[in-house]
Amino acid sequence: MDPVNSLICVAVLAWITQIALGWLQINRFNRALASLSDNGHVRIGRSAGRFKPRAVLALAVSDEGRITGNFVMKGVTVFAGPCSEERLTGWMLNEIRPEVIFPANKSLQEALALAISNRR
């Protein structure tokens, strides 16, 4: 096999691997979202940006406006998995200040602000 064909094979293999890992990440997100929806109304926020690590934050909110559950996915790769952020559980939506809860992480501040405002 000549070098061009080898390079094409490696590129196709990398592309297929990326698709498979992306599919696994979507499945992890969907499972976490399904379990979160059992705790109340779900609100989702995500940070913007193309070349910086993104963050997706999902909140389960009770009818009274109290956060009953949450998860965060942050990172730049498909290996980012959902993990709970215990600092958010139990707060009322109108009491939360993203810059106080996540003082060092601008992307989580942005995602939390979007989830609280529930804008699209």
PDB file of N, CA and C in Angstrom:
ATOM      1  N   MET A   1       0.845  -1.164   0.000  1.00  0.00           N
ATOM      2  CA  MET A   1       0.000   0.000   0.000  1.00  0.00           C
ATOM      3  C   MET A   1       0.904   1.246   0.000  1.00  0.00           C
ATOM      4  N   ASP A   2       0.615   2.158  -0.882  1.00  0.00           N
ATOM      5  CA  ASP A   2       1.445   3.362  -0.955  1.00  0.00           C
ATOM      6  C   ASP A   2       1.056   4.364   0.149  1.00  0.00           C
ATOM      7  N   PRO A   3       1.881   5.355   0.388  1.00  0.00           N
ATOM      8  CA  PRO A   3       1.640   6.297   1.495  1.00  0.00           C
ATOM      9  C   PRO A   3       0.317   7.066   1.391  1.00  0.00           C
ATOM     10  N   VAL A   4      -0.137   7.370   0.201  1.00  0.00           N
ATOM     11  CA  VAL A   4      -1.389   8.114   0.044  1.00  0.00           C
ATOM     12  C   VAL A   4      -2.568   7.266   0.509  1.00  0.00           C
ATOM     13  N   ASN A   5      -2.593   6.010   0.101  1.00  0.00           N
ATOM     14  CA  ASN A   5      -3.671   5.117   0.535  1.00  0.00           C
ATOM     15  C   ASN A   5      -3.625   4.885   2.037  1.00  0.00           C
ATOM     16  N   SER A   6      -2.431   4.789   2.597  1.00  0.00           N
ATOM     17  CA  SER A   6      -2.300   4.622   4.045  1.00  0.00           C
ATOM     18  C   SER A   6      -2.852   5.842   4.780  1.00  0.00           C
ATOM     19  N   LEU A   7      -2.541   7.012   4.271  1.00  0.00           N
ATOM     20  CA  LEU A   7      -3.040   8.241   4.883  1.00  0.00           C
ATOM     21  C   LEU A   7      -4.553   8.324   4.796  1.00  0.00           C
ATOM     22  N   ILE A   8      -5.116   7.955   3.682  1.00  0.00           N
ATOM     23  CA  ILE A   8      -6.576   7.951   3.520  1.00  0.00           C
ATOM     24  C   ILE A   8      -7.215   6.963   4.485  1.00  0.00           C
ATOM     25  N   CYS A   9      -6.632   5.789   4.623  1.00  0.00           N
ATOM     26  CA  CYS A   9      -7.167   4.794   5.559  1.00  0.00           C
ATOM     27  C   CYS A   9      -7.119   5.296   7.002  1.00  0.00           C
ATOM     28  N   VAL A  10      -6.038   5.933   7.387  1.00  0.00           N
ATOM     29  CA  VAL A  10      -5.920   6.479   8.745  1.00  0.00           C
ATOM     30  C   VAL A  10      -6.957   7.578   8.959  1.00  0.00           C
ATOM     31  N   ALA A  11      -7.157   8.442   7.968  1.00  0.00           N
ATOM     32  CA  ALA A  11      -8.138   9.522   8.094  1.00  0.00           C
ATOM     33  C   ALA A  11      -9.556   8.973   8.222  1.00  0.00           C
ATOM     34  N   VAL A  12      -9.891   7.963   7.426  1.00  0.00           N
ATOM     35  CA  VAL A  12     -11.225   7.345   7.505  1.00  0.00           C
ATOM     36  C   VAL A  12     -11.411   6.668   8.857  1.00  0.00           C
ATOM     37  N   LEU A  13     -10.404   5.982   9.342  1.00  0.00           N
ATOM     38  CA  LEU A  13     -10.492   5.335  10.644  1.00  0.00           C
ATOM     39  C   LEU A  13     -10.671   6.363  11.761  1.00  0.00           C
ATOM     40  N   ALA A  14      -9.953   7.483  11.700  1.00  0.00           N
ATOM     41  CA  ALA A  14     -10.094   8.543  12.698  1.00  0.00           C
ATOM     42  C   ALA A  14     -11.495   9.160  12.635  1.00  0.00           C
ATOM     43  N   TRP A  15     -12.021   9.326  11.444  1.00  0.00           N
ATOM     44  CA  TRP A  15     -13.352   9.889  11.281  1.00  0.00           C
ATOM     45  C   TRP A  15     -14.417   8.961  11.869  1.00  0.00           C
ATOM     46  N   ILE A  16     -14.313   7.672  11.601  1.00  0.00           N
ATOM     47  CA  ILE A  16     -15.265   6.691  12.135  1.00  0.00           C
ATOM     48  C   ILE A  16     -15.169   6.632  13.655  1.00  0.00           C
ATOM     49  N   THR A  17     -13.959   6.707  14.186  1.00  0.00           N
ATOM     50  CA  THR A  17     -13.773   6.713  15.641  1.00  0.00           C
ATOM     51  C   THR A  17     -14.419   7.949  16.258  1.00  0.00           C
ATOM     52  N   GLN A  18     -14.250   9.101  15.623  1.00  0.00           N
ATOM     53  CA  GLN A  18     -14.863  10.340  16.119  1.00  0.00           C
ATOM     54  C   GLN A  18     -16.379  10.237  16.132  1.00  0.00           C
ATOM     55  N   ILE A  19     -16.952   9.656  15.097  1.00  0.00           N
ATOM     56  CA  ILE A  19     -18.409   9.472  15.032  1.00  0.00           C
ATOM     57  C   ILE A  19     -18.873   8.548  16.151  1.00  0.00           C
ATOM     58  N   ALA A  20     -18.178   7.459  16.381  1.00  0.00           N
ATOM     59  CA  ALA A  20     -18.562   6.514  17.428  1.00  0.00           C
ATOM     60  C   ALA A  20     -18.459   7.143  18.815  1.00  0.00           C
ATOM     61  N   LEU A  21     -17.378   7.871  19.072  1.00  0.00           N
ATOM     62  CA  LEU A  21     -17.229   8.504  20.380  1.00  0.00           C
ATOM     63  C   LEU A  21     -18.249   9.624  20.579  1.00  0.00           C
ATOM     64  N   GLY A  22     -18.585  10.358  19.541  1.00  0.00           N
ATOM     65  CA  GLY A  22     -19.630  11.377  19.629  1.00  0.00           C
ATOM     66  C   GLY A  22     -20.979  10.759  19.938  1.00  0.00           C
ATOM     67  N   TRP A  23     -21.274   9.623  19.333  1.00  0.00           N
ATOM     68  CA  TRP A  23     -22.518   8.912  19.588  1.00  0.00           C
ATOM     69  C   TRP A  23     -22.582   8.457  21.045  1.00  0.00           C
ATOM     70  N   LEU A  24     -21.472   7.955  21.580  1.00  0.00           N
ATOM     71  CA  LEU A  24     -21.439   7.546  22.984  1.00  0.00           C
ATOM     72  C   LEU A  24     -21.667   8.738  23.915  1.00  0.00           C
ATOM     73  N   GLN A  25     -21.103   9.892  23.579  1.00  0.00           N
ATOM     74  CA  GLN A  25     -21.295  11.072  24.411  1.00  0.00           C
ATOM     75  C   GLN A  25     -22.759  11.523  24.377  1.00  0.00           C
ATOM     76  N   ILE A  26     -23.377  11.487  23.232  1.00  0.00           N
ATOM     77  CA  ILE A  26     -24.790  11.851  23.129  1.00  0.00           C
ATOM     78  C   ILE A  26     -25.644  10.893  23.944  1.00  0.00           C
ATOM     79  N   ASN A  27     -25.316   9.608  23.918  1.00  0.00           N
ATOM     80  CA  ASN A  27     -26.062   8.639  24.718  1.00  0.00           C
ATOM     81  C   ASN A  27     -25.917   8.918  26.208  1.00  0.00           C
ATOM     82  N   ARG A  28     -24.696   9.256  26.667  1.00  0.00           N
ATOM     83  CA  ARG A  28     -24.496   9.592  28.082  1.00  0.00           C
ATOM     84  C   ARG A  28     -25.306  10.825  28.465  1.00  0.00           C
ATOM     85  N   PHE A  29     -25.312  11.839  27.596  1.00  0.00           N
ATOM     86  CA  PHE A  29     -26.086  13.048  27.843  1.00  0.00           C
ATOM     87  C   PHE A  29     -27.576  12.731  27.919  1.00  0.00           C
ATOM     88  N   ASN A  30     -28.085  11.951  26.990  1.00  0.00           N
ATOM     89  CA  ASN A  30     -29.515  11.616  26.968  1.00  0.00           C
ATOM     90  C   ASN A  30     -29.928  10.812  28.195  1.00  0.00           C
ATOM     91  N   ARG A  31     -29.091   9.876  28.640  1.00  0.00           N
ATOM     92  CA  ARG A  31     -29.411   9.115  29.854  1.00  0.00           C
ATOM     93  C   ARG A  31     -29.439  10.012  31.081  1.00  0.00           C
ATOM     94  N   ALA A  32     -28.459  10.922  31.181  1.00  0.00           N
ATOM     95  CA  ALA A  32     -28.424  11.843  32.315  1.00  0.00           C
ATOM     96  C   ALA A  32     -29.630  12.778  32.269  1.00  0.00           C
ATOM     97  N   LEU A  33     -30.020  13.235  31.096  1.00  0.00           N
ATOM     98  CA  LEU A  33     -31.167  14.117  30.963  1.00  0.00           C
ATOM     99  C   LEU A  33     -32.462  13.399  31.322  1.00  0.00           C
ATOM    100  N   ALA A  34     -32.584  12.137  30.925  1.00  0.00           N
ATOM    101  CA  ALA A  34     -33.779  11.359  31.262  1.00  0.00           C
ATOM    102  C   ALA A  34     -33.899  11.155  32.764  1.00  0.00           C
ATOM    103  N   SER A  35     -32.794  10.873  33.434  1.00  0.00           N
ATOM    104  CA  SER A  35     -32.859  10.688  34.888  1.00  0.00           C
ATOM    105  C   SER A  35     -33.108  12.019  35.595  1.00  0.00           C
ATOM    106  N   LEU A  36     -32.634  13.112  35.036  1.00  0.00           N
ATOM    107  CA  LEU A  36     -32.844  14.433  35.619  1.00  0.00           C
ATOM    108  C   LEU A  36     -34.298  14.865  35.484  1.00  0.00           C
ATOM    109  N   SER A  37     -34.947  14.466  34.414  1.00  0.00           N
ATOM    110  CA  SER A  37     -36.333  14.884  34.196  1.00  0.00           C
ATOM    111  C   SER A  37     -37.286  14.249  35.204  1.00  0.00           C
ATOM    112  N   ASP A  38     -36.850  13.216  35.909  1.00  0.00           N
ATOM    113  CA  ASP A  38     -37.673  12.631  36.969  1.00  0.00           C
ATOM    114  C   ASP A  38     -37.742  13.530  38.191  1.00  0.00           C
ATOM    115  N   ASN A  39     -36.824  14.492  38.317  1.00  0.00           N
ATOM    116  CA  ASN A  39     -36.749  15.353  39.497  1.00  0.00           C
ATOM    117  C   ASN A  39     -37.480  16.671  39.338  1.00  0.00           C
ATOM    118  N   GLY A  40     -37.994  16.989  38.171  1.00  0.00           N
ATOM    119  CA  GLY A  40     -38.700  18.246  37.961  1.00  0.00           C
ATOM    120  C   GLY A  40     -38.562  18.734  36.535  1.00  0.00           C
ATOM    121  N   HIS A  41     -38.920  19.995  36.335  1.00  0.00           N
ATOM    122  CA  HIS A  41     -38.798  20.615  35.011  1.00  0.00           C
ATOM    123  C   HIS A  41     -37.321  20.833  34.701  1.00  0.00           C
ATOM    124  N   VAL A  42     -36.920  20.541  33.478  1.00  0.00           N
ATOM    125  CA  VAL A  42     -35.509  20.631  33.105  1.00  0.00           C
ATOM    126  C   VAL A  42     -35.257  21.941  32.365  1.00  0.00           C
ATOM    127  N   ARG A  43     -34.182  22.608  32.773  1.00  0.00           N
ATOM    128  CA  ARG A  43     -33.701  23.812  32.093  1.00  0.00           C
ATOM    129  C   ARG A  43     -32.256  23.553  31.682  1.00  0.00           C
ATOM    130  N   ILE A  44     -31.931  23.924  30.467  1.00  0.00           N
ATOM    131  CA  ILE A  44     -30.587  23.656  29.947  1.00  0.00           C
ATOM    132  C   ILE A  44     -29.948  24.959  29.494  1.00  0.00           C
ATOM    133  N   GLY A  45     -28.673  25.106  29.817  1.00  0.00           N
ATOM    134  CA  GLY A  45     -27.899  26.246  29.357  1.00  0.00           C
ATOM    135  C   GLY A  45     -26.554  25.756  28.851  1.00  0.00           C
ATOM    136  N   ARG A  46     -26.009  26.468  27.889  1.00  0.00           N
ATOM    137  CA  ARG A  46     -24.681  26.115  27.398  1.00  0.00           C
ATOM    138  C   ARG A  46     -23.900  27.384  27.109  1.00  0.00           C
ATOM    139  N   SER A  47     -22.606  27.265  27.225  1.00  0.00           N
ATOM    140  CA  SER A  47     -21.754  28.408  26.938  1.00  0.00           C
ATOM    141  C   SER A  47     -21.509  28.481  25.439  1.00  0.00           C
ATOM    142  N   ALA A  48     -21.202  29.671  24.979  1.00  0.00           N
ATOM    143  CA  ALA A  48     -20.924  29.878  23.558  1.00  0.00           C
ATOM    144  C   ALA A  48     -19.424  29.831  23.321  1.00  0.00           C
ATOM    145  N   GLY A  49     -19.059  29.804  22.088  1.00  0.00           N
ATOM    146  CA  GLY A  49     -17.641  29.819  21.735  1.00  0.00           C
ATOM    147  C   GLY A  49     -17.298  28.682  20.817  1.00  0.00           C
ATOM    148  N   ARG A  50     -16.371  28.951  19.951  1.00  0.00           N
ATOM    149  CA  ARG A  50     -15.993  27.932  18.977  1.00  0.00           C
ATOM    150  C   ARG A  50     -14.684  27.253  19.339  1.00  0.00           C
ATOM    151  N   PHE A  51     -13.735  28.002  19.859  1.00  0.00           N
ATOM    152  CA  PHE A  51     -12.413  27.432  20.097  1.00  0.00           C
ATOM    153  C   PHE A  51     -12.036  27.375  21.568  1.00  0.00           C
ATOM    154  N   LYS A  52     -13.007  27.489  22.449  1.00  0.00           N
ATOM    155  CA  LYS A  52     -12.726  27.367  23.879  1.00  0.00           C
ATOM    156  C   LYS A  52     -13.560  26.219  24.427  1.00  0.00           C
ATOM    157  N   PRO A  53     -13.172  25.680  25.563  1.00  0.00           N
ATOM    158  CA  PRO A  53     -13.959  24.578  26.136  1.00  0.00           C
ATOM    159  C   PRO A  53     -15.384  25.024  26.432  1.00  0.00           C
ATOM    160  N   ARG A  54     -16.328  24.250  25.995  1.00  0.00           N
ATOM    161  CA  ARG A  54     -17.732  24.563  26.220  1.00  0.00           C
ATOM    162  C   ARG A  54     -18.218  23.889  27.487  1.00  0.00           C
ATOM    163  N   ALA A  55     -19.337  24.383  27.973  1.00  0.00           N
ATOM    164  CA  ALA A  55     -19.983  23.786  29.135  1.00  0.00           C
ATOM    165  C   ALA A  55     -21.477  23.700  28.861  1.00  0.00           C
ATOM    166  N   VAL A  56     -22.061  22.575  29.217  1.00  0.00           N
ATOM    167  CA  VAL A  56     -23.507  22.382  29.154  1.00  0.00           C
ATOM    168  C   VAL A  56     -23.954  22.086  30.566  1.00  0.00           C
ATOM    169  N   LEU A  57     -24.976  22.800  31.022  1.00  0.00           N
ATOM    170  CA  LEU A  57     -25.469  22.643  32.379  1.00  0.00           C
ATOM    171  C   LEU A  57     -26.970  22.413  32.307  1.00  0.00           C
ATOM    172  N   ALA A  58     -27.447  21.385  32.976  1.00  0.00           N
ATOM    173  CA  ALA A  58     -28.872  21.090  33.017  1.00  0.00           C
ATOM    174  C   ALA A  58     -29.341  21.126  34.464  1.00  0.00           C
ATOM    175  N   LEU A  59     -30.472  21.774  34.682  1.00  0.00           N
ATOM    176  CA  LEU A  59     -31.044  21.895  36.017  1.00  0.00           C
ATOM    177  C   LEU A  59     -32.418  21.252  36.041  1.00  0.00           C
ATOM    178  N   ALA A  60     -32.723  20.531  37.118  1.00  0.00           N
ATOM    179  CA  ALA A  60     -34.083  20.067  37.375  1.00  0.00           C
ATOM    180  C   ALA A  60     -34.648  20.992  38.432  1.00  0.00           C
ATOM    181  N   VAL A  61     -35.786  21.601  38.121  1.00  0.00           N
ATOM    182  CA  VAL A  61     -36.374  22.614  38.995  1.00  0.00           C
ATOM    183  C   VAL A  61     -37.765  22.160  39.414  1.00  0.00           C
ATOM    184  N   SER A  62     -38.041  22.257  40.722  1.00  0.00           N
ATOM    185  CA  SER A  62     -39.355  21.892  41.242  1.00  0.00           C
ATOM    186  C   SER A  62     -40.372  22.973  40.889  1.00  0.00           C
ATOM    187  N   ASP A  63     -41.635  22.710  41.188  1.00  0.00           N
ATOM    188  CA  ASP A  63     -42.682  23.690  40.900  1.00  0.00           C
ATOM    189  C   ASP A  63     -42.512  24.966  41.716  1.00  0.00           C
ATOM    190  N   GLU A  64     -41.852  24.866  42.870  1.00  0.00           N
ATOM    191  CA  GLU A  64     -41.618  26.042  43.714  1.00  0.00           C
ATOM    192  C   GLU A  64     -40.415  26.860  43.240  1.00  0.00           C
ATOM    193  N   GLY A  65     -39.638  26.347  42.311  1.00  0.00           N
ATOM    194  CA  GLY A  65     -38.470  27.046  41.812  1.00  0.00           C
ATOM    195  C   GLY A  65     -37.173  26.640  42.480  1.00  0.00           C
ATOM    196  N   ARG A  66     -37.168  25.525  43.213  1.00  0.00           N
ATOM    197  CA  ARG A  66     -35.965  25.032  43.880  1.00  0.00           C
ATOM    198  C   ARG A  66     -35.268  24.006  42.989  1.00  0.00           C
ATOM    199  N   ILE A  67     -33.944  24.088  42.915  1.00  0.00           N
ATOM    200  CA  ILE A  67     -33.167  23.144  42.105  1.00  0.00           C
ATOM    201  C   ILE A  67     -33.092  21.816  42.841  1.00  0.00           C
ATOM    202  N   THR A  68     -33.602  20.762  42.206  1.00  0.00           N
ATOM    203  CA  THR A  68     -33.629  19.443  42.823  1.00  0.00           C
ATOM    204  C   THR A  68     -32.562  18.505  42.269  1.00  0.00           C
ATOM    205  N   GLY A  69     -31.955  18.871  41.166  1.00  0.00           N
ATOM    206  CA  GLY A  69     -30.900  18.052  40.577  1.00  0.00           C
ATOM    207  C   GLY A  69     -30.229  18.814  39.457  1.00  0.00           C
ATOM    208  N   ASN A  70     -29.049  18.365  39.059  1.00  0.00           N
ATOM    209  CA  ASN A  70     -28.328  19.032  37.986  1.00  0.00           C
ATOM    210  C   ASN A  70     -27.226  18.135  37.472  1.00  0.00           C
ATOM    211  N   PHE A  71     -26.715  18.492  36.324  1.00  0.00           N
ATOM    212  CA  PHE A  71     -25.464  17.913  35.850  1.00  0.00           C
ATOM    213  C   PHE A  71     -24.768  18.897  34.930  1.00  0.00           C
ATOM    214  N   VAL A  72     -23.467  18.732  34.839  1.00  0.00           N
ATOM    215  CA  VAL A  72     -22.606  19.601  34.037  1.00  0.00           C
ATOM    216  C   VAL A  72     -21.769  18.708  33.126  1.00  0.00           C
ATOM    217  N   MET A  73     -21.644  19.127  31.881  1.00  0.00           N
ATOM    218  CA  MET A  73     -20.702  18.507  30.953  1.00  0.00           C
ATOM    219  C   MET A  73     -19.808  19.621  30.461  1.00  0.00           C
ATOM    220  N   LYS A  74     -18.506  19.485  30.669  1.00  0.00           N
ATOM    221  CA  LYS A  74     -17.590  20.538  30.221  1.00  0.00           C
ATOM    222  C   LYS A  74     -16.348  19.907  29.641  1.00  0.00           C
ATOM    223  N   GLY A  75     -15.780  20.588  28.654  1.00  0.00           N
ATOM    224  CA  GLY A  75     -14.565  20.108  28.023  1.00  0.00           C
ATOM    225  C   GLY A  75     -14.573  20.341  26.534  1.00  0.00           C
ATOM    226  N   VAL A  76     -13.501  19.924  25.892  1.00  0.00           N
ATOM    227  CA  VAL A  76     -13.372  20.122  24.454  1.00  0.00           C
ATOM    228  C   VAL A  76     -13.409  18.804  23.688  1.00  0.00           C
ATOM    229  N   THR A  77     -13.453  17.696  24.379  1.00  0.00           N
ATOM    230  CA  THR A  77     -13.397  16.407  23.697  1.00  0.00           C
ATOM    231  C   THR A  77     -14.697  15.645  23.888  1.00  0.00           C
ATOM    232  N   VAL A  78     -14.806  14.542  23.183  1.00  0.00           N
ATOM    233  CA  VAL A  78     -15.989  13.692  23.316  1.00  0.00           C
ATOM    234  C   VAL A  78     -15.944  12.866  24.603  1.00  0.00           C
ATOM    235  N   PHE A  79     -14.872  12.987  25.368  1.00  0.00           N
ATOM    236  CA  PHE A  79     -14.766  12.248  26.616  1.00  0.00           C
ATOM    237  C   PHE A  79     -15.421  12.978  27.782  1.00  0.00           C
ATOM    238  N   ALA A  80     -15.947  14.185  27.552  1.00  0.00           N
ATOM    239  CA  ALA A  80     -16.628  14.927  28.610  1.00  0.00           C
ATOM    240  C   ALA A  80     -17.913  14.193  28.966  1.00  0.00           C
ATOM    241  N   GLY A  81     -18.065  13.866  30.221  1.00  0.00           N
ATOM    242  CA  GLY A  81     -19.250  13.156  30.679  1.00  0.00           C
ATOM    243  C   GLY A  81     -20.034  13.992  31.674  1.00  0.00           C
ATOM    244  N   PRO A  82     -21.294  13.643  31.906  1.00  0.00           N
ATOM    245  CA  PRO A  82     -22.099  14.399  32.859  1.00  0.00           C
ATOM    246  C   PRO A  82     -21.667  14.114  34.298  1.00  0.00           C
ATOM    247  N   CYS A  83     -21.525  15.183  35.073  1.00  0.00           N
ATOM    248  CA  CYS A  83     -21.225  15.032  36.493  1.00  0.00           C
ATOM    249  C   CYS A  83     -22.056  16.049  37.265  1.00  0.00           C
ATOM    250  N   SER A  84     -22.470  15.664  38.458  1.00  0.00           N
ATOM    251  CA  SER A  84     -23.317  16.517  39.273  1.00  0.00           C
ATOM    252  C   SER A  84     -22.492  17.607  39.939  1.00  0.00           C
ATOM    253  N   GLU A  85     -23.070  18.784  40.054  1.00  0.00           N
ATOM    254  CA  GLU A  85     -22.441  19.910  40.735  1.00  0.00           C
ATOM    255  C   GLU A  85     -23.245  20.163  42.010  1.00  0.00           C
ATOM    256  N   GLU A  86     -22.741  19.658  43.131  1.00  0.00           N
ATOM    257  CA  GLU A  86     -23.480  19.681  44.390  1.00  0.00           C
ATOM    258  C   GLU A  86     -23.738  21.092  44.910  1.00  0.00           C
ATOM    259  N   ARG A  87     -22.945  22.072  44.499  1.00  0.00           N
ATOM    260  CA  ARG A  87     -23.134  23.453  44.972  1.00  0.00           C
ATOM    261  C   ARG A  87     -24.462  24.037  44.526  1.00  0.00           C
ATOM    262  N   LEU A  88     -25.083  23.486  43.488  1.00  0.00           N
ATOM    263  CA  LEU A  88     -26.319  24.052  42.960  1.00  0.00           C
ATOM    264  C   LEU A  88     -27.579  23.466  43.586  1.00  0.00           C
ATOM    265  N   THR A  89     -27.522  22.258  44.077  1.00  0.00           N
ATOM    266  CA  THR A  89     -28.708  21.568  44.574  1.00  0.00           C
ATOM    267  C   THR A  89     -29.245  22.255  45.827  1.00  0.00           C
ATOM    268  N   GLY A  90     -30.545  22.512  45.821  1.00  0.00           N
ATOM    269  CA  GLY A  90     -31.214  23.111  46.960  1.00  0.00           C
ATOM    270  C   GLY A  90     -31.437  24.609  46.851  1.00  0.00           C
ATOM    271  N   TRP A  91     -30.810  25.271  45.915  1.00  0.00           N
ATOM    272  CA  TRP A  91     -30.968  26.718  45.756  1.00  0.00           C
ATOM    273  C   TRP A  91     -32.298  27.027  45.072  1.00  0.00           C
ATOM    274  N   MET A  92     -32.831  28.215  45.374  1.00  0.00           N
ATOM    275  CA  MET A  92     -33.974  28.740  44.635  1.00  0.00           C
ATOM    276  C   MET A  92     -33.412  29.457  43.397  1.00  0.00           C
ATOM    277  N   LEU A  93     -34.144  29.408  42.302  1.00  0.00           N
ATOM    278  CA  LEU A  93     -33.664  30.016  41.058  1.00  0.00           C
ATOM    279  C   LEU A  93     -33.413  31.509  41.207  1.00  0.00           C
ATOM    280  N   ASN A  94     -34.256  32.202  41.957  1.00  0.00           N
ATOM    281  CA  ASN A  94     -34.095  33.651  42.073  1.00  0.00           C
ATOM    282  C   ASN A  94     -32.965  34.048  43.025  1.00  0.00           C
ATOM    283  N   GLU A  95     -32.373  33.084  43.740  1.00  0.00           N
ATOM    284  CA  GLU A  95     -31.265  33.365  44.659  1.00  0.00           C
ATOM    285  C   GLU A  95     -29.889  33.164  44.022  1.00  0.00           C
ATOM    286  N   ILE A  96     -29.851  32.524  42.883  1.00  0.00           N
ATOM    287  CA  ILE A  96     -28.575  32.123  42.293  1.00  0.00           C
ATOM    288  C   ILE A  96     -27.897  33.294  41.586  1.00  0.00           C
ATOM    289  N   ARG A  97     -26.626  33.449  41.855  1.00  0.00           N
ATOM    290  CA  ARG A  97     -25.768  34.409  41.163  1.00  0.00           C
ATOM    291  C   ARG A  97     -24.614  33.606  40.559  1.00  0.00           C
ATOM    292  N   PRO A  98     -24.599  33.424  39.233  1.00  0.00           N
ATOM    293  CA  PRO A  98     -23.579  32.579  38.592  1.00  0.00           C
ATOM    294  C   PRO A  98     -22.148  33.000  38.896  1.00  0.00           C
ATOM    295  N   GLU A  99     -21.891  34.301  39.002  1.00  0.00           N
ATOM    296  CA  GLU A  99     -20.530  34.768  39.259  1.00  0.00           C
ATOM    297  C   GLU A  99     -20.066  34.443  40.670  1.00  0.00           C
ATOM    298  N   VAL A 100     -20.999  34.177  41.580  1.00  0.00           N
ATOM    299  CA  VAL A 100     -20.643  33.798  42.953  1.00  0.00           C
ATOM    300  C   VAL A 100     -20.423  32.288  43.045  1.00  0.00           C
ATOM    301  N   ILE A 101     -21.250  31.527  42.356  1.00  0.00           N
ATOM    302  CA  ILE A 101     -21.149  30.059  42.434  1.00  0.00           C
ATOM    303  C   ILE A 101     -19.939  29.546  41.653  1.00  0.00           C
ATOM    304  N   PHE A 102     -19.687  30.123  40.495  1.00  0.00           N
ATOM    305  CA  PHE A 102     -18.545  29.719  39.664  1.00  0.00           C
ATOM    306  C   PHE A 102     -17.646  30.927  39.405  1.00  0.00           C
ATOM    307  N   PRO A 103     -16.910  31.411  40.406  1.00  0.00           N
ATOM    308  CA  PRO A 103     -16.135  32.643  40.220  1.00  0.00           C
ATOM    309  C   PRO A 103     -14.991  32.520  39.212  1.00  0.00           C
ATOM    310  N   ALA A 104     -14.447  31.334  39.029  1.00  0.00           N
ATOM    311  CA  ALA A 104     -13.273  31.182  38.165  1.00  0.00           C
ATOM    312  C   ALA A 104     -13.596  30.588  36.801  1.00  0.00           C
ATOM    313  N   ASN A 105     -14.851  30.280  36.538  1.00  0.00           N
ATOM    314  CA  ASN A 105     -15.196  29.588  35.299  1.00  0.00           C
ATOM    315  C   ASN A 105     -16.265  30.367  34.535  1.00  0.00           C
ATOM    316  N   LYS A 106     -15.833  31.144  33.548  1.00  0.00           N
ATOM    317  CA  LYS A 106     -16.749  31.986  32.773  1.00  0.00           C
ATOM    318  C   LYS A 106     -17.743  31.165  31.958  1.00  0.00           C
ATOM    319  N   SER A 107     -17.313  30.024  31.435  1.00  0.00           N
ATOM    320  CA  SER A 107     -18.224  29.234  30.608  1.00  0.00           C
ATOM    321  C   SER A 107     -19.352  28.639  31.451  1.00  0.00           C
ATOM    322  N   LEU A 108     -19.057  28.209  32.683  1.00  0.00           N
ATOM    323  CA  LEU A 108     -20.125  27.720  33.555  1.00  0.00           C
ATOM    324  C   LEU A 108     -21.026  28.857  34.024  1.00  0.00           C
ATOM    325  N   GLN A 109     -20.478  30.044  34.218  1.00  0.00           N
ATOM    326  CA  GLN A 109     -21.303  31.199  34.568  1.00  0.00           C
ATOM    327  C   GLN A 109     -22.314  31.488  33.458  1.00  0.00           C
ATOM    328  N   GLU A 110     -21.832  31.453  32.225  1.00  0.00           N
ATOM    329  CA  GLU A 110     -22.693  31.720  31.071  1.00  0.00           C
ATOM    330  C   GLU A 110     -23.771  30.649  30.916  1.00  0.00           C
ATOM    331  N   ALA A 111     -23.383  29.384  31.085  1.00  0.00           N
ATOM    332  CA  ALA A 111     -24.345  28.290  30.963  1.00  0.00           C
ATOM    333  C   ALA A 111     -25.396  28.363  32.063  1.00  0.00           C
ATOM    334  N   LEU A 112     -24.971  28.660  33.291  1.00  0.00           N
ATOM    335  CA  LEU A 112     -25.915  28.763  34.402  1.00  0.00           C
ATOM    336  C   LEU A 112     -26.866  29.941  34.213  1.00  0.00           C
ATOM    337  N   ALA A 113     -26.353  31.071  33.773  1.00  0.00           N
ATOM    338  CA  ALA A 113     -27.216  32.232  33.532  1.00  0.00           C
ATOM    339  C   ALA A 113     -28.255  31.924  32.459  1.00  0.00           C
ATOM    340  N   LEU A 114     -27.861  31.200  31.424  1.00  0.00           N
ATOM    341  CA  LEU A 114     -28.794  30.851  30.365  1.00  0.00           C
ATOM    342  C   LEU A 114     -29.836  29.851  30.860  1.00  0.00           C
ATOM    343  N   ALA A 115     -29.428  28.892  31.689  1.00  0.00           N
ATOM    344  CA  ALA A 115     -30.366  27.915  32.223  1.00  0.00           C
ATOM    345  C   ALA A 115     -31.372  28.583  33.160  1.00  0.00           C
ATOM    346  N   ILE A 116     -30.911  29.551  33.944  1.00  0.00           N
ATOM    347  CA  ILE A 116     -31.819  30.245  34.862  1.00  0.00           C
ATOM    348  C   ILE A 116     -32.822  31.085  34.091  1.00  0.00           C
ATOM    349  N   SER A 117     -32.351  31.801  33.078  1.00  0.00           N
ATOM    350  CA  SER A 117     -33.249  32.676  32.322  1.00  0.00           C
ATOM    351  C   SER A 117     -34.168  31.875  31.398  1.00  0.00           C
ATOM    352  N   ASN A 118     -33.754  30.670  31.068  1.00  0.00           N
ATOM    353  CA  ASN A 118     -34.530  29.765  30.206  1.00  0.00           C
ATOM    354  C   ASN A 118     -34.793  30.373  28.842  1.00  0.00           C
ATOM    355  N   ARG A 119     -33.849  31.177  28.346  1.00  0.00           N
ATOM    356  CA  ARG A 119     -33.932  31.714  26.990  1.00  0.00           C
ATOM    357  C   ARG A 119     -33.348  30.703  26.017  1.00  0.00           C
ATOM    358  N   ARG A 120     -33.699  30.834  24.774  1.00  0.00           N
ATOM    359  CA  ARG A 120     -33.165  29.906  23.768  1.00  0.00           C
ATOM    360  C   ARG A 120     -32.192  30.599  22.882  1.00  0.00           C
TER     361      ARG A 120
END
